[in-house]
């Protein structure tokens, strides 16, 4: 068997092997002691084979796909160069992170950065009430925890008051960095809050994550992962494997969500991660709001963390 290069598998229902021959055979061959562990191993191999097949198909399809950026977009090239020169990792602020997502075809909120209360009022009028105000900094990650996010602002007075309150809350928090300004954002109500992102696994490299987001992220722990690159079929399978997918399908008479639109957003995220390569440490989109009807999923908040090329 060895000379012919064939693979051999056998199952023995005996719990122990007492003869010299069987002890030697067991010592020389990879073996699993219990049959239920064998089924787990075979299932894992089957999943690995399926992922490998799909990765190959996605790579082949990307050569002719207009959705996938075959050559990295200029913004990705610039960020890779910046990461290569950096020492360690660094964050893009929310505005820059969402601009990067938008460059790859994902929908983000309409927003602009205000440098003053007058700016904030003018931008709110342009965007349309209600709006959200947020502190912006590449050193400020958990904004809500320190009162640096103000929601449902319905008029100019509310915007001015929120602008002042955010500055006061940031100062009171002990944050010692500089703000890039105050982000004035479109308020999005309704929909199903998801989380999506990219994490770097020590063994597998970048993997895509999707699942229940918003306040449900830690409560439900309903997320699933996939290796990259991702195609639409695999993206839809990922979403359907989550518990939150029942809401997306139209729970108790609610309108169903277009999973193809959500899948396209996840494929765009995969493309971005592939283009950034080793320069990317993580992407966190929470929440990514899925909406029914002819509406694309929209990123309400996002943080991109980059690291120097080859530092992982």
C-alpha atoms as a PDB file:
ATOM      1  CA  UNK A   1       0.000   0.000   0.000  1.00  0.00           C
ATOM      2  CA  UNK A   2       2.777   2.431   0.906  1.00  0.00           C
ATOM      3  CA  UNK A   3       4.719   1.724  -2.303  1.00  0.00           C
ATOM      4  CA  UNK A   4       1.659   2.421  -4.438  1.00  0.00           C
ATOM      5  CA  UNK A   5       1.033   5.736  -2.653  1.00  0.00           C
ATOM      6  CA  UNK A   6      -2.537   4.847  -1.723  1.00  0.00           C
ATOM      7  CA  UNK A   7      -4.259   6.060   1.432  1.00  0.00           C
ATOM      8  CA  UNK A   8      -5.667   3.465   3.805  1.00  0.00           C
ATOM      9  CA  UNK A   9      -8.307   3.899   6.492  1.00  0.00           C
ATOM     10  CA  UNK A  10      -9.646   1.186   8.748  1.00  0.00           C
ATOM     11  CA  UNK A  11     -12.002   0.925  11.672  1.00  0.00           C
ATOM     12  CA  UNK A  12     -11.633  -1.582  14.483  1.00  0.00           C
ATOM     13  CA  UNK A  13     -14.452  -2.121  16.942  1.00  0.00           C
ATOM     14  CA  UNK A  14     -12.040  -3.587  19.498  1.00  0.00           C
ATOM     15  CA  UNK A  15     -11.257  -1.149  22.271  1.00  0.00           C
ATOM     16  CA  UNK A  16      -7.757  -2.537  22.815  1.00  0.00           C
ATOM     17  CA  UNK A  17      -5.078  -4.166  20.664  1.00  0.00           C
ATOM     18  CA  UNK A  18      -2.981  -6.685  22.590  1.00  0.00           C
ATOM     19  CA  UNK A  19      -0.833  -8.401  19.947  1.00  0.00           C
ATOM     20  CA  UNK A  20       2.631  -7.170  19.054  1.00  0.00           C
ATOM     21  CA  UNK A  21       1.509  -6.620  15.467  1.00  0.00           C
ATOM     22  CA  UNK A  22      -1.495  -4.485  16.339  1.00  0.00           C
ATOM     23  CA  UNK A  23       0.477  -2.459  18.876  1.00  0.00           C
ATOM     24  CA  UNK A  24       3.146  -1.762  16.251  1.00  0.00           C
ATOM     25  CA  UNK A  25       0.523  -0.927  13.630  1.00  0.00           C
ATOM     26  CA  UNK A  26      -1.184   1.493  15.982  1.00  0.00           C
ATOM     27  CA  UNK A  27       2.114   3.120  16.910  1.00  0.00           C
ATOM     28  CA  UNK A  28       3.073   3.665  13.268  1.00  0.00           C
ATOM     29  CA  UNK A  29      -0.288   4.961  11.986  1.00  0.00           C
ATOM     30  CA  UNK A  30      -2.178   8.143  12.859  1.00  0.00           C
ATOM     31  CA  UNK A  31      -5.189   6.966  14.829  1.00  0.00           C
ATOM     32  CA  UNK A  32      -8.195   8.229  16.724  1.00  0.00           C
ATOM     33  CA  UNK A  33      -9.272   6.317  19.801  1.00  0.00           C
ATOM     34  CA  UNK A  34     -13.042   6.794  19.610  1.00  0.00           C
ATOM     35  CA  UNK A  35     -15.283   6.628  16.555  1.00  0.00           C
ATOM     36  CA  UNK A  36     -17.319   9.723  17.447  1.00  0.00           C
ATOM     37  CA  UNK A  37     -14.071  11.716  17.252  1.00  0.00           C
ATOM     38  CA  UNK A  38     -13.533  10.235  13.788  1.00  0.00           C
ATOM     39  CA  UNK A  39     -16.777  11.734  12.516  1.00  0.00           C
ATOM     40  CA  UNK A  40     -15.716  15.143  13.815  1.00  0.00           C
ATOM     41  CA  UNK A  41     -12.395  14.853  11.999  1.00  0.00           C
ATOM     42  CA  UNK A  42     -13.996  13.788   8.722  1.00  0.00           C
ATOM     43  CA  UNK A  43     -16.514  16.634   8.983  1.00  0.00           C
ATOM     44  CA  UNK A  44     -13.692  19.106   9.546  1.00  0.00           C
ATOM     45  CA  UNK A  45     -11.827  17.776   6.505  1.00  0.00           C
ATOM     46  CA  UNK A  46     -14.994  18.047   4.418  1.00  0.00           C
ATOM     47  CA  UNK A  47     -15.478  21.671   5.485  1.00  0.00           C
ATOM     48  CA  UNK A  48     -11.840  22.444   4.717  1.00  0.00           C
ATOM     49  CA  UNK A  49     -12.195  20.915   1.249  1.00  0.00           C
ATOM     50  CA  UNK A  50     -15.347  22.938   0.616  1.00  0.00           C
ATOM     51  CA  UNK A  51     -13.690  26.189   1.747  1.00  0.00           C
ATOM     52  CA  UNK A  52     -10.691  25.457  -0.470  1.00  0.00           C
ATOM     53  CA  UNK A  53     -12.944  24.793  -3.463  1.00  0.00           C
ATOM     54  CA  UNK A  54     -14.896  27.990  -2.916  1.00  0.00           C
ATOM     55  CA  UNK A  55     -11.765  30.055  -2.388  1.00  0.00           C
ATOM     56  CA  UNK A  56     -10.439  28.763  -5.710  1.00  0.00           C
ATOM     57  CA  UNK A  57     -13.735  29.493  -7.462  1.00  0.00           C
ATOM     58  CA  UNK A  58     -13.911  32.972  -5.928  1.00  0.00           C
ATOM     59  CA  UNK A  59     -10.367  33.716  -7.064  1.00  0.00           C
ATOM     60  CA  UNK A  60     -11.173  32.548 -10.609  1.00  0.00           C
ATOM     61  CA  UNK A  61     -14.426  34.497 -10.714  1.00  0.00           C
ATOM     62  CA  UNK A  62     -12.747  37.642  -9.448  1.00  0.00           C
ATOM     63  CA  UNK A  63     -10.631  37.793 -12.594  1.00  0.00           C
ATOM     64  CA  UNK A  64     -13.718  38.769 -14.582  1.00  0.00           C
ATOM     65  CA  UNK A  65     -15.923  40.228 -11.849  1.00  0.00           C
ATOM     66  CA  UNK A  66     -16.582  43.954 -11.871  1.00  0.00           C
ATOM     67  CA  UNK A  67     -17.563  43.817  -8.193  1.00  0.00           C
ATOM     68  CA  UNK A  68     -14.186  42.581  -6.992  1.00  0.00           C
ATOM     69  CA  UNK A  69     -11.339  45.060  -7.305  1.00  0.00           C
ATOM     70  CA  UNK A  70      -8.724  43.011  -9.187  1.00  0.00           C
ATOM     71  CA  UNK A  71      -6.150  45.716  -8.753  1.00  0.00           C
ATOM     72  CA  UNK A  72      -6.336  47.214  -5.254  1.00  0.00           C
ATOM     73  CA  UNK A  73      -8.084  50.571  -5.252  1.00  0.00           C
ATOM     74  CA  UNK A  74      -5.800  53.620  -4.888  1.00  0.00           C
ATOM     75  CA  UNK A  75      -7.023  54.200  -1.338  1.00  0.00           C
ATOM     76  CA  UNK A  76      -5.927  50.663  -0.385  1.00  0.00           C
ATOM     77  CA  UNK A  77      -2.521  51.181  -1.987  1.00  0.00           C
ATOM     78  CA  UNK A  78      -2.076  54.431  -0.045  1.00  0.00           C
ATOM     79  CA  UNK A  79      -3.094  52.807   3.235  1.00  0.00           C
ATOM     80  CA  UNK A  80      -0.724  49.878   2.685  1.00  0.00           C
ATOM     81  CA  UNK A  81       2.131  52.329   2.142  1.00  0.00           C
ATOM     82  CA  UNK A  82       1.167  54.239   5.276  1.00  0.00           C
ATOM     83  CA  UNK A  83       0.979  51.018   7.289  1.00  0.00           C
ATOM     84  CA  UNK A  84       4.379  49.939   5.976  1.00  0.00           C
ATOM     85  CA  UNK A  85       5.944  53.110   7.342  1.00  0.00           C
ATOM     86  CA  UNK A  86       4.141  52.989  10.683  1.00  0.00           C
ATOM     87  CA  UNK A  87       5.478  51.538  13.894  1.00  0.00           C
ATOM     88  CA  UNK A  88       2.884  49.079  15.169  1.00  0.00           C
ATOM     89  CA  UNK A  89      -0.829  49.444  14.524  1.00  0.00           C
ATOM     90  CA  UNK A  90      -3.021  52.520  14.213  1.00  0.00           C
ATOM     91  CA  UNK A  91      -6.719  53.356  13.870  1.00  0.00           C
ATOM     92  CA  UNK A  92      -8.567  55.216  11.178  1.00  0.00           C
ATOM     93  CA  UNK A  93     -11.188  57.483  12.692  1.00  0.00           C
ATOM     94  CA  UNK A  94     -14.853  56.759  12.019  1.00  0.00           C
ATOM     95  CA  UNK A  95     -15.118  59.141   9.088  1.00  0.00           C
ATOM     96  CA  UNK A  96     -12.026  57.754   7.340  1.00  0.00           C
ATOM     97  CA  UNK A  97     -13.085  54.171   8.081  1.00  0.00           C
ATOM     98  CA  UNK A  98     -16.504  54.687   6.516  1.00  0.00           C
ATOM     99  CA  UNK A  99     -15.033  56.459   3.507  1.00  0.00           C
ATOM    100  CA  UNK A 100     -12.880  53.371   2.953  1.00  0.00           C
ATOM    101  CA  UNK A 101     -15.944  51.116   3.124  1.00  0.00           C
ATOM    102  CA  UNK A 102     -17.796  53.391   0.707  1.00  0.00           C
ATOM    103  CA  UNK A 103     -14.914  53.203  -1.771  1.00  0.00           C
ATOM    104  CA  UNK A 104     -15.528  49.460  -1.934  1.00  0.00           C
ATOM    105  CA  UNK A 105     -19.249  49.846  -2.539  1.00  0.00           C
ATOM    106  CA  UNK A 106     -20.720  49.615   0.950  1.00  0.00           C
ATOM    107  CA  UNK A 107     -23.430  52.074   1.984  1.00  0.00           C
ATOM    108  CA  UNK A 108     -22.621  54.432   4.850  1.00  0.00           C
ATOM    109  CA  UNK A 109     -24.485  57.275   6.518  1.00  0.00           C
ATOM    110  CA  UNK A 110     -24.449  60.752   5.005  1.00  0.00           C
ATOM    111  CA  UNK A 111     -22.097  62.732   7.235  1.00  0.00           C
ATOM    112  CA  UNK A 112     -19.532  65.508   7.491  1.00  0.00           C
ATOM    113  CA  UNK A 113     -17.115  66.737  10.150  1.00  0.00           C
ATOM    114  CA  UNK A 114     -17.907  69.999  11.910  1.00  0.00           C
ATOM    115  CA  UNK A 115     -15.228  72.241  13.402  1.00  0.00           C
ATOM    116  CA  UNK A 116     -17.655  74.480  15.297  1.00  0.00           C
ATOM    117  CA  UNK A 117     -21.228  74.649  16.543  1.00  0.00           C
ATOM    118  CA  UNK A 118     -22.081  76.849  13.551  1.00  0.00           C
ATOM    119  CA  UNK A 119     -20.635  74.192  11.237  1.00  0.00           C
ATOM    120  CA  UNK A 120     -22.649  71.506  12.986  1.00  0.00           C
ATOM    121  CA  UNK A 121     -25.892  73.436  12.586  1.00  0.00           C
ATOM    122  CA  UNK A 122     -25.238  74.109   8.893  1.00  0.00           C
ATOM    123  CA  UNK A 123     -24.351  70.485   8.186  1.00  0.00           C
ATOM    124  CA  UNK A 124     -27.413  69.241  10.045  1.00  0.00           C
ATOM    125  CA  UNK A 125     -29.596  71.445   7.848  1.00  0.00           C
ATOM    126  CA  UNK A 126     -27.912  70.050   4.728  1.00  0.00           C
ATOM    127  CA  UNK A 127     -28.193  66.409   5.835  1.00  0.00           C
ATOM    128  CA  UNK A 128     -31.713  66.763   7.190  1.00  0.00           C
ATOM    129  CA  UNK A 129     -33.078  66.256  10.684  1.00  0.00           C
ATOM    130  CA  UNK A 130     -32.905  64.193  12.800  1.00  0.00           C
ATOM    131  CA  UNK A 131     -29.139  63.807  13.020  1.00  0.00           C
ATOM    132  CA  UNK A 132     -26.509  62.220  15.240  1.00  0.00           C
ATOM    133  CA  UNK A 133     -23.405  63.973  16.596  1.00  0.00           C
ATOM    134  CA  UNK A 134     -20.247  62.023  17.465  1.00  0.00           C
ATOM    135  CA  UNK A 135     -16.746  62.904  18.580  1.00  0.00           C
ATOM    136  CA  UNK A 136     -14.133  61.970  15.971  1.00  0.00           C
ATOM    137  CA  UNK A 137     -10.572  60.903  16.732  1.00  0.00           C
ATOM    138  CA  UNK A 138      -8.244  58.126  15.670  1.00  0.00           C
ATOM    139  CA  UNK A 139      -7.542  57.573  19.364  1.00  0.00           C
ATOM    140  CA  UNK A 140     -11.145  57.395  20.554  1.00  0.00           C
ATOM    141  CA  UNK A 141     -12.680  53.936  20.192  1.00  0.00           C
ATOM    142  CA  UNK A 142     -15.612  53.489  22.608  1.00  0.00           C
ATOM    143  CA  UNK A 143     -17.319  56.828  22.090  1.00  0.00           C
ATOM    144  CA  UNK A 144     -20.698  55.912  23.574  1.00  0.00           C
ATOM    145  CA  UNK A 145     -19.125  54.924  26.893  1.00  0.00           C
ATOM    146  CA  UNK A 146     -18.034  58.499  27.587  1.00  0.00           C
ATOM    147  CA  UNK A 147     -21.092  60.316  26.240  1.00  0.00           C
ATOM    148  CA  UNK A 148     -19.421  61.278  22.963  1.00  0.00           C
ATOM    149  CA  UNK A 149     -22.437  60.192  20.871  1.00  0.00           C
ATOM    150  CA  UNK A 150     -25.714  62.129  20.897  1.00  0.00           C
ATOM    151  CA  UNK A 151     -28.720  60.708  19.037  1.00  0.00           C
ATOM    152  CA  UNK A 152     -32.075  61.923  17.690  1.00  0.00           C
ATOM    153  CA  UNK A 153     -31.238  65.602  17.413  1.00  0.00           C
ATOM    154  CA  UNK A 154     -34.258  67.209  15.807  1.00  0.00           C
ATOM    155  CA  UNK A 155     -33.430  70.900  15.486  1.00  0.00           C
ATOM    156  CA  UNK A 156     -30.672  73.508  15.550  1.00  0.00           C
ATOM    157  CA  UNK A 157     -30.900  74.100  19.307  1.00  0.00           C
ATOM    158  CA  UNK A 158     -30.501  70.384  20.000  1.00  0.00           C
ATOM    159  CA  UNK A 159     -27.482  70.228  17.682  1.00  0.00           C
ATOM    160  CA  UNK A 160     -25.759  73.166  19.379  1.00  0.00           C
ATOM    161  CA  UNK A 161     -26.426  71.751  22.845  1.00  0.00           C
ATOM    162  CA  UNK A 162     -25.139  68.316  21.805  1.00  0.00           C
ATOM    163  CA  UNK A 163     -22.006  69.823  20.278  1.00  0.00           C
ATOM    164  CA  UNK A 164     -21.154  71.506  23.572  1.00  0.00           C
ATOM    165  CA  UNK A 165     -22.093  68.468  25.658  1.00  0.00           C
ATOM    166  CA  UNK A 166     -19.841  66.137  23.671  1.00  0.00           C
ATOM    167  CA  UNK A 167     -16.829  68.393  24.207  1.00  0.00           C
ATOM    168  CA  UNK A 168     -17.604  68.552  27.938  1.00  0.00           C
ATOM    169  CA  UNK A 169     -18.021  64.775  28.214  1.00  0.00           C
ATOM    170  CA  UNK A 170     -14.780  64.076  26.358  1.00  0.00           C
ATOM    171  CA  UNK A 171     -12.865  66.484  28.601  1.00  0.00           C
ATOM    172  CA  UNK A 172     -14.430  64.946  31.710  1.00  0.00           C
ATOM    173  CA  UNK A 173     -13.487  61.425  30.562  1.00  0.00           C
ATOM    174  CA  UNK A 174      -9.777  62.171  30.833  1.00  0.00           C
ATOM    175  CA  UNK A 175      -9.171  61.694  27.109  1.00  0.00           C
ATOM    176  CA  UNK A 176      -5.878  63.450  26.419  1.00  0.00           C
ATOM    177  CA  UNK A 177      -5.855  63.351  22.622  1.00  0.00           C
ATOM    178  CA  UNK A 178      -6.998  65.854  20.036  1.00  0.00           C
ATOM    179  CA  UNK A 179     -10.424  65.550  18.444  1.00  0.00           C
ATOM    180  CA  UNK A 180     -10.584  65.695  14.657  1.00  0.00           C
ATOM    181  CA  UNK A 181     -13.927  67.428  15.039  1.00  0.00           C
ATOM    182  CA  UNK A 182     -17.544  66.478  15.605  1.00  0.00           C
ATOM    183  CA  UNK A 183     -19.178  64.184  13.064  1.00  0.00           C
ATOM    184  CA  UNK A 184     -22.695  65.174  12.004  1.00  0.00           C
ATOM    185  CA  UNK A 185     -24.463  62.041  10.719  1.00  0.00           C
ATOM    186  CA  UNK A 186     -27.738  61.048   9.188  1.00  0.00           C
ATOM    187  CA  UNK A 187     -29.993  59.392  11.799  1.00  0.00           C
ATOM    188  CA  UNK A 188     -31.074  55.890  10.702  1.00  0.00           C
ATOM    189  CA  UNK A 189     -34.039  54.339  12.502  1.00  0.00           C
ATOM    190  CA  UNK A 190     -35.492  50.865  12.137  1.00  0.00           C
ATOM    191  CA  UNK A 191     -33.973  47.841  10.489  1.00  0.00           C
ATOM    192  CA  UNK A 192     -32.065  44.935  12.003  1.00  0.00           C
ATOM    193  CA  UNK A 193     -28.735  45.684  13.631  1.00  0.00           C
ATOM    194  CA  UNK A 194     -25.921  43.355  12.603  1.00  0.00           C
ATOM    195  CA  UNK A 195     -22.204  43.263  13.230  1.00  0.00           C
ATOM    196  CA  UNK A 196     -19.746  42.631  10.429  1.00  0.00           C
ATOM    197  CA  UNK A 197     -16.012  42.820  10.303  1.00  0.00           C
ATOM    198  CA  UNK A 198     -12.623  41.305   9.726  1.00  0.00           C
ATOM    199  CA  UNK A 199     -10.481  39.754  12.449  1.00  0.00           C
ATOM    200  CA  UNK A 200      -6.974  38.376  12.143  1.00  0.00           C
ATOM    201  CA  UNK A 201      -6.726  34.799  13.356  1.00  0.00           C
ATOM    202  CA  UNK A 202      -3.179  33.756  14.392  1.00  0.00           C
ATOM    203  CA  UNK A 203      -3.378  30.590  12.276  1.00  0.00           C
ATOM    204  CA  UNK A 204      -5.907  31.313   9.505  1.00  0.00           C
ATOM    205  CA  UNK A 205      -5.090  34.949   8.865  1.00  0.00           C
ATOM    206  CA  UNK A 206      -7.955  37.373   8.155  1.00  0.00           C
ATOM    207  CA  UNK A 207     -11.450  35.948   8.647  1.00  0.00           C
ATOM    208  CA  UNK A 208     -14.818  37.608   8.091  1.00  0.00           C
ATOM    209  CA  UNK A 209     -17.379  37.822  10.883  1.00  0.00           C
ATOM    210  CA  UNK A 210     -21.121  38.517  10.698  1.00  0.00           C
ATOM    211  CA  UNK A 211     -23.971  38.147  13.174  1.00  0.00           C
ATOM    212  CA  UNK A 212     -26.218  39.917  15.640  1.00  0.00           C
ATOM    213  CA  UNK A 213     -25.004  43.444  16.314  1.00  0.00           C
ATOM    214  CA  UNK A 214     -25.792  46.546  18.298  1.00  0.00           C
ATOM    215  CA  UNK A 215     -26.684  45.863  21.923  1.00  0.00           C
ATOM    216  CA  UNK A 216     -27.307  42.189  21.040  1.00  0.00           C
ATOM    217  CA  UNK A 217     -23.665  41.510  20.147  1.00  0.00           C
ATOM    218  CA  UNK A 218     -22.498  40.516  23.623  1.00  0.00           C
ATOM    219  CA  UNK A 219     -25.917  39.379  24.839  1.00  0.00           C
ATOM    220  CA  UNK A 220     -26.631  36.818  22.106  1.00  0.00           C
ATOM    221  CA  UNK A 221     -23.071  35.927  21.027  1.00  0.00           C
ATOM    222  CA  UNK A 222     -24.589  35.098  17.659  1.00  0.00           C
ATOM    223  CA  UNK A 223     -21.742  35.436  15.174  1.00  0.00           C
ATOM    224  CA  UNK A 224     -20.223  33.205  12.521  1.00  0.00           C
ATOM    225  CA  UNK A 225     -16.897  33.297  10.692  1.00  0.00           C
ATOM    226  CA  UNK A 226     -15.518  32.486   7.254  1.00  0.00           C
ATOM    227  CA  UNK A 227     -12.149  32.341   5.585  1.00  0.00           C
ATOM    228  CA  UNK A 228     -11.464  34.742   2.702  1.00  0.00           C
ATOM    229  CA  UNK A 229     -12.101  35.440  -0.111  1.00  0.00           C
ATOM    230  CA  UNK A 230     -15.884  35.318   0.097  1.00  0.00           C
ATOM    231  CA  UNK A 231     -18.372  34.903  -2.739  1.00  0.00           C
ATOM    232  CA  UNK A 232     -22.083  35.709  -2.685  1.00  0.00           C
ATOM    233  CA  UNK A 233     -23.243  32.115  -2.140  1.00  0.00           C
ATOM    234  CA  UNK A 234     -20.960  31.656   0.838  1.00  0.00           C
ATOM    235  CA  UNK A 235     -22.004  35.048   2.237  1.00  0.00           C
ATOM    236  CA  UNK A 236     -25.680  34.077   2.100  1.00  0.00           C
ATOM    237  CA  UNK A 237     -24.902  30.766   3.815  1.00  0.00           C
ATOM    238  CA  UNK A 238     -23.083  32.625   6.580  1.00  0.00           C
ATOM    239  CA  UNK A 239     -26.020  34.928   7.221  1.00  0.00           C
ATOM    240  CA  UNK A 240     -28.492  32.034   7.206  1.00  0.00           C
ATOM    241  CA  UNK A 241     -26.417  30.199   9.815  1.00  0.00           C
ATOM    242  CA  UNK A 242     -27.055  32.947  12.406  1.00  0.00           C
ATOM    243  CA  UNK A 243     -30.060  33.162  14.717  1.00  0.00           C
ATOM    244  CA  UNK A 244     -30.696  36.754  13.651  1.00  0.00           C
ATOM    245  CA  UNK A 245     -31.433  35.468  10.136  1.00  0.00           C
ATOM    246  CA  UNK A 246     -34.963  34.627  11.296  1.00  0.00           C
ATOM    247  CA  UNK A 247     -35.634  38.349  11.663  1.00  0.00           C
ATOM    248  CA  UNK A 248     -34.128  39.024   8.254  1.00  0.00           C
ATOM    249  CA  UNK A 249     -36.443  36.434   6.687  1.00  0.00           C
ATOM    250  CA  UNK A 250     -39.522  38.362   7.837  1.00  0.00           C
ATOM    251  CA  UNK A 251     -40.402  37.291  11.362  1.00  0.00           C
ATOM    252  CA  UNK A 252     -44.090  37.421  12.368  1.00  0.00           C
ATOM    253  CA  UNK A 253     -45.291  39.222   9.294  1.00  0.00           C
ATOM    254  CA  UNK A 254     -42.468  41.762   9.049  1.00  0.00           C
ATOM    255  CA  UNK A 255     -41.110  42.505   5.576  1.00  0.00           C
ATOM    256  CA  UNK A 256     -38.243  40.240   4.529  1.00  0.00           C
ATOM    257  CA  UNK A 257     -34.795  41.663   3.878  1.00  0.00           C
ATOM    258  CA  UNK A 258     -32.919  41.207   0.608  1.00  0.00           C
ATOM    259  CA  UNK A 259     -30.127  38.768   1.474  1.00  0.00           C
ATOM    260  CA  UNK A 260     -28.460  39.382  -1.891  1.00  0.00           C
ATOM    261  CA  UNK A 261     -27.874  43.009  -0.894  1.00  0.00           C
ATOM    262  CA  UNK A 262     -26.430  41.934   2.432  1.00  0.00           C
ATOM    263  CA  UNK A 263     -24.268  39.332   0.704  1.00  0.00           C
ATOM    264  CA  UNK A 264     -22.928  41.978  -1.691  1.00  0.00           C
ATOM    265  CA  UNK A 265     -21.913  44.116   1.293  1.00  0.00           C
ATOM    266  CA  UNK A 266     -20.047  41.178   2.831  1.00  0.00           C
ATOM    267  CA  UNK A 267     -18.319  40.406  -0.476  1.00  0.00           C
ATOM    268  CA  UNK A 268     -17.241  44.059  -0.671  1.00  0.00           C
ATOM    269  CA  UNK A 269     -15.824  43.757   2.844  1.00  0.00           C
ATOM    270  CA  UNK A 270     -13.973  40.601   1.807  1.00  0.00           C
ATOM    271  CA  UNK A 271     -12.536  42.370  -1.238  1.00  0.00           C
ATOM    272  CA  UNK A 272     -11.289  45.218   0.934  1.00  0.00           C
ATOM    273  CA  UNK A 273      -9.587  42.811   3.324  1.00  0.00           C
ATOM    274  CA  UNK A 274      -7.942  40.909   0.471  1.00  0.00           C
ATOM    275  CA  UNK A 275      -6.647  44.136  -1.076  1.00  0.00           C
ATOM    276  CA  UNK A 276      -5.185  45.403   2.209  1.00  0.00           C
ATOM    277  CA  UNK A 277      -3.542  42.047   2.905  1.00  0.00           C
ATOM    278  CA  UNK A 278      -1.149  41.950   5.851  1.00  0.00           C
ATOM    279  CA  UNK A 279      -1.597  45.695   6.359  1.00  0.00           C
ATOM    280  CA  UNK A 280      -5.031  45.054   7.873  1.00  0.00           C
ATOM    281  CA  UNK A 281      -5.386  44.206  11.542  1.00  0.00           C
ATOM    282  CA  UNK A 282      -9.177  44.444  11.879  1.00  0.00           C
ATOM    283  CA  UNK A 283     -12.396  46.045  10.672  1.00  0.00           C
ATOM    284  CA  UNK A 284     -15.333  46.501  13.035  1.00  0.00           C
ATOM    285  CA  UNK A 285     -18.718  47.588  11.652  1.00  0.00           C
ATOM    286  CA  UNK A 286     -21.260  47.808  14.462  1.00  0.00           C
ATOM    287  CA  UNK A 287     -23.980  48.277  13.724  1.00  0.00           C
ATOM    288  CA  UNK A 288     -24.448  47.358  10.088  1.00  0.00           C
ATOM    289  CA  UNK A 289     -28.177  47.941   9.678  1.00  0.00           C
ATOM    290  CA  UNK A 290     -30.059  45.668   7.299  1.00  0.00           C
ATOM    291  CA  UNK A 291     -33.267  47.215   5.957  1.00  0.00           C
ATOM    292  CA  UNK A 292     -36.210  45.765   4.084  1.00  0.00           C
ATOM    293  CA  UNK A 293     -37.283  46.879   0.621  1.00  0.00           C
ATOM    294  CA  UNK A 294     -34.928  48.399  -1.930  1.00  0.00           C
ATOM    295  CA  UNK A 295     -32.409  49.505   0.672  1.00  0.00           C
ATOM    296  CA  UNK A 296     -28.804  48.408   0.958  1.00  0.00           C
ATOM    297  CA  UNK A 297     -27.385  47.556   4.391  1.00  0.00           C
ATOM    298  CA  UNK A 298     -25.841  50.689   5.843  1.00  0.00           C
ATOM    299  CA  UNK A 299     -22.844  51.051   8.158  1.00  0.00           C
ATOM    300  CA  UNK A 300     -23.666  53.325  11.086  1.00  0.00           C
ATOM    301  CA  UNK A 301     -20.276  53.043  12.785  1.00  0.00           C
ATOM    302  CA  UNK A 302     -16.951  51.569  11.746  1.00  0.00           C
ATOM    303  CA  UNK A 303     -13.353  51.363  12.889  1.00  0.00           C
ATOM    304  CA  UNK A 304     -10.470  50.123  10.753  1.00  0.00           C
ATOM    305  CA  UNK A 305      -7.203  49.133  12.440  1.00  0.00           C
ATOM    306  CA  UNK A 306      -4.118  48.913  10.245  1.00  0.00           C
ATOM    307  CA  UNK A 307      -0.671  47.546  10.942  1.00  0.00           C
ATOM    308  CA  UNK A 308       2.682  47.620   9.208  1.00  0.00           C
ATOM    309  CA  UNK A 309       2.989  45.236   6.225  1.00  0.00           C
ATOM    310  CA  UNK A 310       4.635  41.988   7.300  1.00  0.00           C
ATOM    311  CA  UNK A 311       4.325  42.742  11.024  1.00  0.00           C
ATOM    312  CA  UNK A 312       1.859  39.911  11.653  1.00  0.00           C
END
